Amino acid sequence: MKAYMLAFVRVNDLETFNREYIEKAVPIVERHGGITVAVDENPSTIEGTVPGGRVVIVEFPTKEAAEGFYNDPNYQAIKAWRQKVSESDSIILEKGF
């Protein structure tokens, strides 16, 4: 069953973030079968309160693949750097129907 990683990311320096994080993280995402489905810098909230920031949706073939990306040993240093220059709220959800 497909799974999706949904992240709301607030970045201090977008240019550096894209260069230092995105370029290094995307190959690891792809190695786990992940495909970026959507990225929006200014999403429209239609109801309730959602975290601010860039919204990113990445599709994975399974929940295990998404978790495999997040826990990949090669991703840990990249993730630690990201956490120093940004804040995020992230979840993994499975396609339910």
PDB file of N, CA and C in Angstrom:
ATOM      1  N   MET A   1       0.831  -1.167   0.000  1.00  0.00           N
ATOM      2  CA  MET A   1       0.000   0.000   0.000  1.00  0.00           C
ATOM      3  C   MET A   1       0.886   1.245   0.000  1.00  0.00           C
ATOM      4  N   LYS A   2       0.606   2.181  -0.892  1.00  0.00           N
ATOM      5  CA  LYS A   2       1.406   3.399  -0.975  1.00  0.00           C
ATOM      6  C   LYS A   2       1.319   4.203   0.323  1.00  0.00           C
ATOM      7  N   ALA A   3       2.399   4.937   0.588  1.00  0.00           N
ATOM      8  CA  ALA A   3       2.450   5.801   1.758  1.00  0.00           C
ATOM      9  C   ALA A   3       2.965   7.162   1.326  1.00  0.00           C
ATOM     10  N   TYR A   4       2.624   8.164   2.107  1.00  0.00           N
ATOM     11  CA  TYR A   4       3.012   9.534   1.803  1.00  0.00           C
ATOM     12  C   TYR A   4       3.660  10.169   3.022  1.00  0.00           C
ATOM     13  N   MET A   5       4.747  10.874   2.776  1.00  0.00           N
ATOM     14  CA  MET A   5       5.364  11.675   3.817  1.00  0.00           C
ATOM     15  C   MET A   5       4.913  13.106   3.555  1.00  0.00           C
ATOM     16  N   LEU A   6       4.311  13.711   4.561  1.00  0.00           N
ATOM     17  CA  LEU A   6       3.831  15.084   4.474  1.00  0.00           C
ATOM     18  C   LEU A   6       4.632  15.916   5.464  1.00  0.00           C
ATOM     19  N   ALA A   7       5.263  16.975   4.975  1.00  0.00           N
ATOM     20  CA  ALA A   7       6.093  17.815   5.833  1.00  0.00           C
ATOM     21  C   ALA A   7       5.767  19.287   5.626  1.00  0.00           C
ATOM     22  N   PHE A   8       5.661  19.998   6.728  1.00  0.00           N
ATOM     23  CA  PHE A   8       5.564  21.455   6.734  1.00  0.00           C
ATOM     24  C   PHE A   8       6.919  21.942   7.218  1.00  0.00           C
ATOM     25  N   VAL A   9       7.665  22.632   6.370  1.00  0.00           N
ATOM     26  CA  VAL A   9       9.052  22.983   6.677  1.00  0.00           C
ATOM     27  C   VAL A   9       9.221  24.504   6.669  1.00  0.00           C
ATOM     28  N   ARG A  10       9.779  25.018   7.756  1.00  0.00           N
ATOM     29  CA  ARG A  10      10.073  26.436   7.870  1.00  0.00           C
ATOM     30  C   ARG A  10      11.591  26.600   7.836  1.00  0.00           C
ATOM     31  N   VAL A  11      12.065  27.266   6.782  1.00  0.00           N
ATOM     32  CA  VAL A  11      13.498  27.358   6.509  1.00  0.00           C
ATOM     33  C   VAL A  11      13.985  28.788   6.705  1.00  0.00           C
ATOM     34  N   ASN A  12      15.160  28.929   7.332  1.00  0.00           N
ATOM     35  CA  ASN A  12      15.743  30.255   7.540  1.00  0.00           C
ATOM     36  C   ASN A  12      16.400  30.801   6.278  1.00  0.00           C
ATOM     37  N   ASP A  13      17.109  29.964   5.534  1.00  0.00           N
ATOM     38  CA  ASP A  13      17.845  30.376   4.337  1.00  0.00           C
ATOM     39  C   ASP A  13      17.520  29.380   3.228  1.00  0.00           C
ATOM     40  N   LEU A  14      16.533  29.710   2.410  1.00  0.00           N
ATOM     41  CA  LEU A  14      16.017  28.782   1.405  1.00  0.00           C
ATOM     42  C   LEU A  14      17.069  28.395   0.372  1.00  0.00           C
ATOM     43  N   GLU A  15      17.873  29.345  -0.076  1.00  0.00           N
ATOM     44  CA  GLU A  15      18.879  29.039  -1.097  1.00  0.00           C
ATOM     45  C   GLU A  15      19.893  28.014  -0.578  1.00  0.00           C
ATOM     46  N   THR A  16      20.399  28.233   0.627  1.00  0.00           N
ATOM     47  CA  THR A  16      21.351  27.288   1.214  1.00  0.00           C
ATOM     48  C   THR A  16      20.679  25.953   1.482  1.00  0.00           C
ATOM     49  N   PHE A  17      19.447  25.984   1.971  1.00  0.00           N
ATOM     50  CA  PHE A  17      18.691  24.764   2.251  1.00  0.00           C
ATOM     51  C   PHE A  17      18.550  23.930   0.983  1.00  0.00           C
ATOM     52  N   ASN A  18      18.149  24.571  -0.105  1.00  0.00           N
ATOM     53  CA  ASN A  18      17.981  23.837  -1.360  1.00  0.00           C
ATOM     54  C   ASN A  18      19.298  23.240  -1.834  1.00  0.00           C
ATOM     55  N   ARG A  19      20.366  23.983  -1.704  1.00  0.00           N
ATOM     56  CA  ARG A  19      21.666  23.511  -2.172  1.00  0.00           C
ATOM     57  C   ARG A  19      22.226  22.418  -1.256  1.00  0.00           C
ATOM     58  N   GLU A  20      22.190  22.630   0.031  1.00  0.00           N
ATOM     59  CA  GLU A  20      22.842  21.719   0.970  1.00  0.00           C
ATOM     60  C   GLU A  20      21.982  20.531   1.382  1.00  0.00           C
ATOM     61  N   TYR A  21      20.676  20.710   1.416  1.00  0.00           N
ATOM     62  CA  TYR A  21      19.806  19.619   1.858  1.00  0.00           C
ATOM     63  C   TYR A  21      19.145  18.885   0.700  1.00  0.00           C
ATOM     64  N   ILE A  22      18.437  19.615  -0.132  1.00  0.00           N
ATOM     65  CA  ILE A  22      17.659  18.991  -1.206  1.00  0.00           C
ATOM     66  C   ILE A  22      18.561  18.158  -2.116  1.00  0.00           C
ATOM     67  N   GLU A  23      19.682  18.730  -2.540  1.00  0.00           N
ATOM     68  CA  GLU A  23      20.572  18.008  -3.452  1.00  0.00           C
ATOM     69  C   GLU A  23      21.114  16.720  -2.855  1.00  0.00           C
ATOM     70  N   LYS A  24      21.261  16.666  -1.533  1.00  0.00           N
ATOM     71  CA  LYS A  24      21.796  15.468  -0.884  1.00  0.00           C
ATOM     72  C   LYS A  24      20.698  14.496  -0.459  1.00  0.00           C
ATOM     73  N   ALA A  25      19.534  15.019  -0.103  1.00  0.00           N
ATOM     74  CA  ALA A  25      18.458  14.160   0.389  1.00  0.00           C
ATOM     75  C   ALA A  25      17.693  13.454  -0.727  1.00  0.00           C
ATOM     76  N   VAL A  26      17.491  14.135  -1.839  1.00  0.00           N
ATOM     77  CA  VAL A  26      16.670  13.556  -2.922  1.00  0.00           C
ATOM     78  C   VAL A  26      17.206  12.206  -3.411  1.00  0.00           C
ATOM     79  N   PRO A  27      18.506  12.029  -3.622  1.00  0.00           N
ATOM     80  CA  PRO A  27      18.978  10.704  -4.053  1.00  0.00           C
ATOM     81  C   PRO A  27      18.666   9.590  -3.031  1.00  0.00           C
ATOM     82  N   ILE A  28      18.651   9.939  -1.753  1.00  0.00           N
ATOM     83  CA  ILE A  28      18.319   8.934  -0.732  1.00  0.00           C
ATOM     84  C   ILE A  28      16.825   8.643  -0.779  1.00  0.00           C
ATOM     85  N   VAL A  29      15.999   9.666  -0.945  1.00  0.00           N
ATOM     86  CA  VAL A  29      14.557   9.476  -1.121  1.00  0.00           C
ATOM     87  C   VAL A  29      14.313   8.530  -2.294  1.00  0.00           C
ATOM     88  N   GLU A  30      14.956   8.809  -3.416  1.00  0.00           N
ATOM     89  CA  GLU A  30      14.758   8.000  -4.623  1.00  0.00           C
ATOM     90  C   GLU A  30      15.232   6.566  -4.434  1.00  0.00           C
ATOM     91  N   ARG A  31      16.297   6.378  -3.692  1.00  0.00           N
ATOM     92  CA  ARG A  31      16.798   5.022  -3.430  1.00  0.00           C
ATOM     93  C   ARG A  31      15.760   4.179  -2.673  1.00  0.00           C
ATOM     94  N   HIS A  32      14.885   4.851  -1.923  1.00  0.00           N
ATOM     95  CA  HIS A  32      13.830   4.151  -1.182  1.00  0.00           C
ATOM     96  C   HIS A  32      12.509   4.149  -1.948  1.00  0.00           C
ATOM     97  N   GLY A  33      12.563   4.507  -3.216  1.00  0.00           N
ATOM     98  CA  GLY A  33      11.376   4.480  -4.060  1.00  0.00           C
ATOM     99  C   GLY A  33      10.505   5.714  -3.954  1.00  0.00           C
ATOM    100  N   GLY A  34      11.003   6.766  -3.308  1.00  0.00           N
ATOM    101  CA  GLY A  34      10.224   7.974  -3.113  1.00  0.00           C
ATOM    102  C   GLY A  34      10.198   8.873  -4.335  1.00  0.00           C
ATOM    103  N   ILE A  35       9.058   9.514  -4.536  1.00  0.00           N
ATOM    104  CA  ILE A  35       8.853  10.464  -5.621  1.00  0.00           C
ATOM    105  C   ILE A  35       8.183  11.699  -5.023  1.00  0.00           C
ATOM    106  N   THR A  36       8.749  12.874  -5.275  1.00  0.00           N
ATOM    107  CA  THR A  36       8.135  14.110  -4.793  1.00  0.00           C
ATOM    108  C   THR A  36       6.890  14.392  -5.619  1.00  0.00           C
ATOM    109  N   VAL A  37       5.758  14.465  -4.939  1.00  0.00           N
ATOM    110  CA  VAL A  37       4.468  14.672  -5.599  1.00  0.00           C
ATOM    111  C   VAL A  37       4.117  16.155  -5.657  1.00  0.00           C
ATOM    112  N   ALA A  38       4.421  16.889  -4.586  1.00  0.00           N
ATOM    113  CA  ALA A  38       4.061  18.313  -4.550  1.00  0.00           C
ATOM    114  C   ALA A  38       4.970  19.064  -3.591  1.00  0.00           C
ATOM    115  N   VAL A  39       5.250  20.309  -3.958  1.00  0.00           N
ATOM    116  CA  VAL A  39       5.965  21.253  -3.096  1.00  0.00           C
ATOM    117  C   VAL A  39       5.271  22.594  -3.288  1.00  0.00           C
ATOM    118  N   ASP A  40       4.892  23.229  -2.187  1.00  0.00           N
ATOM    119  CA  ASP A  40       4.214  24.519  -2.276  1.00  0.00           C
ATOM    120  C   ASP A  40       4.750  25.424  -1.179  1.00  0.00           C
ATOM    121  N   GLU A  41       5.268  26.585  -1.581  1.00  0.00           N
ATOM    122  CA  GLU A  41       5.813  27.545  -0.624  1.00  0.00           C
ATOM    123  C   GLU A  41       4.716  28.288   0.141  1.00  0.00           C
ATOM    124  N   ASN A  42       3.548  28.442  -0.477  1.00  0.00           N
ATOM    125  CA  ASN A  42       2.455  29.209   0.127  1.00  0.00           C
ATOM    126  C   ASN A  42       1.123  28.487  -0.053  1.00  0.00           C
ATOM    127  N   PRO A  43       0.929  27.363   0.629  1.00  0.00           N
ATOM    128  CA  PRO A  43      -0.333  26.636   0.454  1.00  0.00           C
ATOM    129  C   PRO A  43      -1.518  27.425   1.007  1.00  0.00           C
ATOM    130  N   SER A  44      -2.670  27.199   0.438  1.00  0.00           N
ATOM    131  CA  SER A  44      -3.897  27.863   0.892  1.00  0.00           C
ATOM    132  C   SER A  44      -4.578  26.994   1.936  1.00  0.00           C
ATOM    133  N   THR A  45      -4.756  27.538   3.120  1.00  0.00           N
ATOM    134  CA  THR A  45      -5.491  26.828   4.171  1.00  0.00           C
ATOM    135  C   THR A  45      -6.972  27.042   3.929  1.00  0.00           C
ATOM    136  N   ILE A  46      -7.720  25.953   3.867  1.00  0.00           N
ATOM    137  CA  ILE A  46      -9.159  26.080   3.622  1.00  0.00           C
ATOM    138  C   ILE A  46      -9.987  25.802   4.869  1.00  0.00           C
ATOM    139  N   GLU A  47      -9.351  25.220   5.896  1.00  0.00           N
ATOM    140  CA  GLU A  47     -10.082  24.961   7.131  1.00  0.00           C
ATOM    141  C   GLU A  47      -9.093  24.675   8.250  1.00  0.00           C
ATOM    142  N   GLY A  48      -9.396  25.147   9.428  1.00  0.00           N
ATOM    143  CA  GLY A  48      -8.570  24.852  10.595  1.00  0.00           C
ATOM    144  C   GLY A  48      -7.237  25.581  10.593  1.00  0.00           C
ATOM    145  N   THR A  49      -6.349  25.084  11.424  1.00  0.00           N
ATOM    146  CA  THR A  49      -5.020  25.658  11.568  1.00  0.00           C
ATOM    147  C   THR A  49      -3.993  24.604  11.202  1.00  0.00           C
ATOM    148  N   VAL A  50      -3.118  24.916  10.290  1.00  0.00           N
ATOM    149  CA  VAL A  50      -2.058  23.986   9.896  1.00  0.00           C
ATOM    150  C   VAL A  50      -0.712  24.635  10.170  1.00  0.00           C
ATOM    151  N   PRO A  51       0.326  23.832  10.342  1.00  0.00           N
ATOM    152  CA  PRO A  51       1.652  24.416  10.551  1.00  0.00           C
ATOM    153  C   PRO A  51       2.048  25.280   9.359  1.00  0.00           C
ATOM    154  N   GLY A  52       2.820  26.302   9.610  1.00  0.00           N
ATOM    155  CA  GLY A  52       3.279  27.166   8.537  1.00  0.00           C
ATOM    156  C   GLY A  52       4.418  26.535   7.765  1.00  0.00           C
ATOM    157  N   GLY A  53       4.804  27.193   6.687  1.00  0.00           N
ATOM    158  CA  GLY A  53       5.967  26.790   5.928  1.00  0.00           C
ATOM    159  C   GLY A  53       5.666  26.102   4.627  1.00  0.00           C
ATOM    160  N   ARG A  54       6.741  25.731   3.968  1.00  0.00           N
ATOM    161  CA  ARG A  54       6.700  24.986   2.710  1.00  0.00           C
ATOM    162  C   ARG A  54       6.061  23.627   2.995  1.00  0.00           C
ATOM    163  N   VAL A  55       5.155  23.213   2.130  1.00  0.00           N
ATOM    164  CA  VAL A  55       4.545  21.894   2.254  1.00  0.00           C
ATOM    165  C   VAL A  55       5.163  20.992   1.201  1.00  0.00           C
ATOM    166  N   VAL A  56       5.580  19.806   1.641  1.00  0.00           N
ATOM    167  CA  VAL A  56       6.181  18.826   0.741  1.00  0.00           C
ATOM    168  C   VAL A  56       5.437  17.507   0.918  1.00  0.00           C
ATOM    169  N   ILE A  57       5.067  16.897  -0.203  1.00  0.00           N
ATOM    170  CA  ILE A  57       4.450  15.571  -0.184  1.00  0.00           C
ATOM    171  C   ILE A  57       5.319  14.646  -1.027  1.00  0.00           C
ATOM    172  N   VAL A  58       5.761  13.551  -0.413  1.00  0.00           N
ATOM    173  CA  VAL A  58       6.578  12.552  -1.102  1.00  0.00           C
ATOM    174  C   VAL A  58       5.852  11.221  -1.035  1.00  0.00           C
ATOM    175  N   GLU A  59       5.691  10.573  -2.182  1.00  0.00           N
ATOM    176  CA  GLU A  59       5.041   9.268  -2.264  1.00  0.00           C
ATOM    177  C   GLU A  59       6.094   8.174  -2.207  1.00  0.00           C
ATOM    178  N   PHE A  60       5.819   7.138  -1.416  1.00  0.00           N
ATOM    179  CA  PHE A  60       6.670   5.961  -1.324  1.00  0.00           C
ATOM    180  C   PHE A  60       5.841   4.721  -1.644  1.00  0.00           C
ATOM    181  N   PRO A  61       6.481   3.651  -2.085  1.00  0.00           N
ATOM    182  CA  PRO A  61       5.710   2.449  -2.419  1.00  0.00           C
ATOM    183  C   PRO A  61       5.031   1.814  -1.204  1.00  0.00           C
ATOM    184  N   THR A  62       5.615   1.985  -0.010  1.00  0.00           N
ATOM    185  CA  THR A  62       5.055   1.424   1.218  1.00  0.00           C
ATOM    186  C   THR A  62       5.428   2.318   2.395  1.00  0.00           C
ATOM    187  N   LYS A  63       4.742   2.115   3.515  1.00  0.00           N
ATOM    188  CA  LYS A  63       5.091   2.831   4.741  1.00  0.00           C
ATOM    189  C   LYS A  63       6.496   2.452   5.193  1.00  0.00           C
ATOM    190  N   GLU A  64       6.842   1.187   5.021  1.00  0.00           N
ATOM    191  CA  GLU A  64       8.177   0.721   5.404  1.00  0.00           C
ATOM    192  C   GLU A  64       9.267   1.419   4.594  1.00  0.00           C
ATOM    193  N   ALA A  65       8.991   1.679   3.320  1.00  0.00           N
ATOM    194  CA  ALA A  65       9.962   2.391   2.481  1.00  0.00           C
ATOM    195  C   ALA A  65      10.135   3.831   2.965  1.00  0.00           C
ATOM    196  N   ALA A  66       9.036   4.485   3.345  1.00  0.00           N
ATOM    197  CA  ALA A  66       9.109   5.850   3.865  1.00  0.00           C
ATOM    198  C   ALA A  66       9.905   5.881   5.164  1.00  0.00           C
ATOM    199  N   GLU A  67       9.627   4.941   6.051  1.00  0.00           N
ATOM    200  CA  GLU A  67      10.373   4.860   7.305  1.00  0.00           C
ATOM    201  C   GLU A  67      11.831   4.501   7.043  1.00  0.00           C
ATOM    202  N   GLY A  68      12.058   3.668   6.027  1.00  0.00           N
ATOM    203  CA  GLY A  68      13.417   3.305   5.653  1.00  0.00           C
ATOM    204  C   GLY A  68      14.218   4.520   5.210  1.00  0.00           C
ATOM    205  N   PHE A  69      13.580   5.410   4.452  1.00  0.00           N
ATOM    206  CA  PHE A  69      14.255   6.649   4.080  1.00  0.00           C
ATOM    207  C   PHE A  69      14.598   7.461   5.315  1.00  0.00           C
ATOM    208  N   TYR A  70      13.608   7.696   6.169  1.00  0.00           N
ATOM    209  CA  TYR A  70      13.810   8.570   7.321  1.00  0.00           C
ATOM    210  C   TYR A  70      14.886   8.031   8.270  1.00  0.00           C
ATOM    211  N   ASN A  71      14.992   6.720   8.353  1.00  0.00           N
ATOM    212  CA  ASN A  71      15.961   6.090   9.255  1.00  0.00           C
ATOM    213  C   ASN A  71      17.238   5.632   8.565  1.00  0.00           C
ATOM    214  N   ASP A  72      17.367   5.895   7.269  1.00  0.00           N
ATOM    215  CA  ASP A  72      18.550   5.480   6.513  1.00  0.00           C
ATOM    216  C   ASP A  72      19.811   6.065   7.159  1.00  0.00           C
ATOM    217  N   PRO A  73      20.815   5.225   7.428  1.00  0.00           N
ATOM    218  CA  PRO A  73      22.059   5.730   8.032  1.00  0.00           C
ATOM    219  C   PRO A  73      22.708   6.859   7.224  1.00  0.00           C
ATOM    220  N   ASN A  74      22.586   6.824   5.912  1.00  0.00           N
ATOM    221  CA  ASN A  74      23.159   7.876   5.073  1.00  0.00           C
ATOM    222  C   ASN A  74      22.399   9.196   5.184  1.00  0.00           C
ATOM    223  N   TYR A  75      21.175   9.146   5.690  1.00  0.00           N
ATOM    224  CA  TYR A  75      20.355  10.344   5.823  1.00  0.00           C
ATOM    225  C   TYR A  75      20.564  11.056   7.160  1.00  0.00           C
ATOM    226  N   GLN A  76      21.092  10.367   8.145  1.00  0.00           N
ATOM    227  CA  GLN A  76      21.130  10.917   9.501  1.00  0.00           C
ATOM    228  C   GLN A  76      21.921  12.224   9.614  1.00  0.00           C
ATOM    229  N   ALA A  77      23.079  12.318   9.000  1.00  0.00           N
ATOM    230  CA  ALA A  77      23.864  13.563   9.066  1.00  0.00           C
ATOM    231  C   ALA A  77      23.151  14.684   8.320  1.00  0.00           C
ATOM    232  N   ILE A  78      22.512  14.353   7.203  1.00  0.00           N
ATOM    233  CA  ILE A  78      21.772  15.344   6.419  1.00  0.00           C
ATOM    234  C   ILE A  78      20.574  15.837   7.228  1.00  0.00           C
ATOM    235  N   LYS A  79      19.881  14.913   7.885  1.00  0.00           N
ATOM    236  CA  LYS A  79      18.734  15.271   8.717  1.00  0.00           C
ATOM    237  C   LYS A  79      19.169  16.170   9.874  1.00  0.00           C
ATOM    238  N   ALA A  80      20.293  15.840  10.516  1.00  0.00           N
ATOM    239  CA  ALA A  80      20.798  16.649  11.631  1.00  0.00           C
ATOM    240  C   ALA A  80      21.103  18.070  11.172  1.00  0.00           C
ATOM    241  N   TRP A  81      21.696  18.216   9.989  1.00  0.00           N
ATOM    242  CA  TRP A  81      21.974  19.549   9.444  1.00  0.00           C
ATOM    243  C   TRP A  81      20.663  20.288   9.199  1.00  0.00           C
ATOM    244  N   ARG A  82      19.686  19.592   8.585  1.00  0.00           N
ATOM    245  CA  ARG A  82      18.377  20.218   8.312  1.00  0.00           C
ATOM    246  C   ARG A  82      17.736  20.719   9.592  1.00  0.00           C
ATOM    247  N   GLN A  83      17.836  19.946  10.641  1.00  0.00           N
ATOM    248  CA  GLN A  83      17.206  20.333  11.898  1.00  0.00           C
ATOM    249  C   GLN A  83      17.877  21.557  12.534  1.00  0.00           C
ATOM    250  N   LYS A  84      19.105  21.858  12.146  1.00  0.00           N
ATOM    251  CA  LYS A  84      19.786  23.050  12.649  1.00  0.00           C
ATOM    252  C   LYS A  84      19.350  24.318  11.922  1.00  0.00           C
ATOM    253  N   VAL A  85      18.937  24.188  10.655  1.00  0.00           N
ATOM    254  CA  VAL A  85      18.614  25.374   9.852  1.00  0.00           C
ATOM    255  C   VAL A  85      17.123  25.508   9.526  1.00  0.00           C
ATOM    256  N   SER A  86      16.331  24.580  10.040  1.00  0.00           N
ATOM    257  CA  SER A  86      14.900  24.648   9.771  1.00  0.00           C
ATOM    258  C   SER A  86      14.127  23.937  10.882  1.00  0.00           C
ATOM    259  N   GLU A  87      12.831  24.163  10.872  1.00  0.00           N
ATOM    260  CA  GLU A  87      11.917  23.449  11.751  1.00  0.00           C
ATOM    261  C   GLU A  87      10.901  22.761  10.865  1.00  0.00           C
ATOM    262  N   SER A  88      10.420  21.602  11.303  1.00  0.00           N
ATOM    263  CA  SER A  88       9.415  20.932  10.484  1.00  0.00           C
ATOM    264  C   SER A  88       8.443  20.143  11.341  1.00  0.00           C
ATOM    265  N   ASP A  89       7.281  19.933  10.770  1.00  0.00           N
ATOM    266  CA  ASP A  89       6.262  19.041  11.305  1.00  0.00           C
ATOM    267  C   ASP A  89       6.014  18.033  10.196  1.00  0.00           C
ATOM    268  N   SER A  90       6.204  16.748  10.494  1.00  0.00           N
ATOM    269  CA  SER A  90       6.135  15.735   9.440  1.00  0.00           C
ATOM    270  C   SER A  90       5.373  14.508   9.909  1.00  0.00           C
ATOM    271  N   ILE A  91       4.684  13.876   8.969  1.00  0.00           N
ATOM    272  CA  ILE A  91       3.979  12.625   9.245  1.00  0.00           C
ATOM    273  C   ILE A  91       4.138  11.680   8.065  1.00  0.00           C
ATOM    274  N   ILE A  92       3.896  10.401   8.321  1.00  0.00           N
ATOM    275  CA  ILE A  92       3.784   9.395   7.266  1.00  0.00           C
ATOM    276  C   ILE A  92       2.376   8.844   7.350  1.00  0.00           C
ATOM    277  N   LEU A  93       1.696   8.785   6.213  1.00  0.00           N
ATOM    278  CA  LEU A  93       0.362   8.227   6.183  1.00  0.00           C
ATOM    279  C   LEU A  93       0.224   7.262   5.018  1.00  0.00           C
ATOM    280  N   GLU A  94      -0.652   6.278   5.209  1.00  0.00           N
ATOM    281  CA  GLU A  94      -0.864   5.285   4.152  1.00  0.00           C
ATOM    282  C   GLU A  94      -2.144   5.619   3.386  1.00  0.00           C
ATOM    283  N   LYS A  95      -2.111   5.264   2.110  1.00  0.00           N
ATOM    284  CA  LYS A  95      -3.308   5.400   1.279  1.00  0.00           C
ATOM    285  C   LYS A  95      -4.322   4.405   1.818  1.00  0.00           C
ATOM    286  N   GLY A  96      -5.489   4.882   2.207  1.00  0.00           N
ATOM    287  CA  GLY A  96      -6.429   4.039   2.925  1.00  0.00           C
ATOM    288  C   GLY A  96      -7.528   3.392   2.115  1.00  0.00           C
ATOM    289  N   PHE A  97      -7.619   3.668   0.837  1.00  0.00           N
ATOM    290  CA  PHE A  97      -8.721   3.051   0.073  1.00  0.00           C
ATOM    291  C   PHE A  97      -8.311   2.783  -1.341  1.00  0.00           C
TER     292      PHE A  97
END
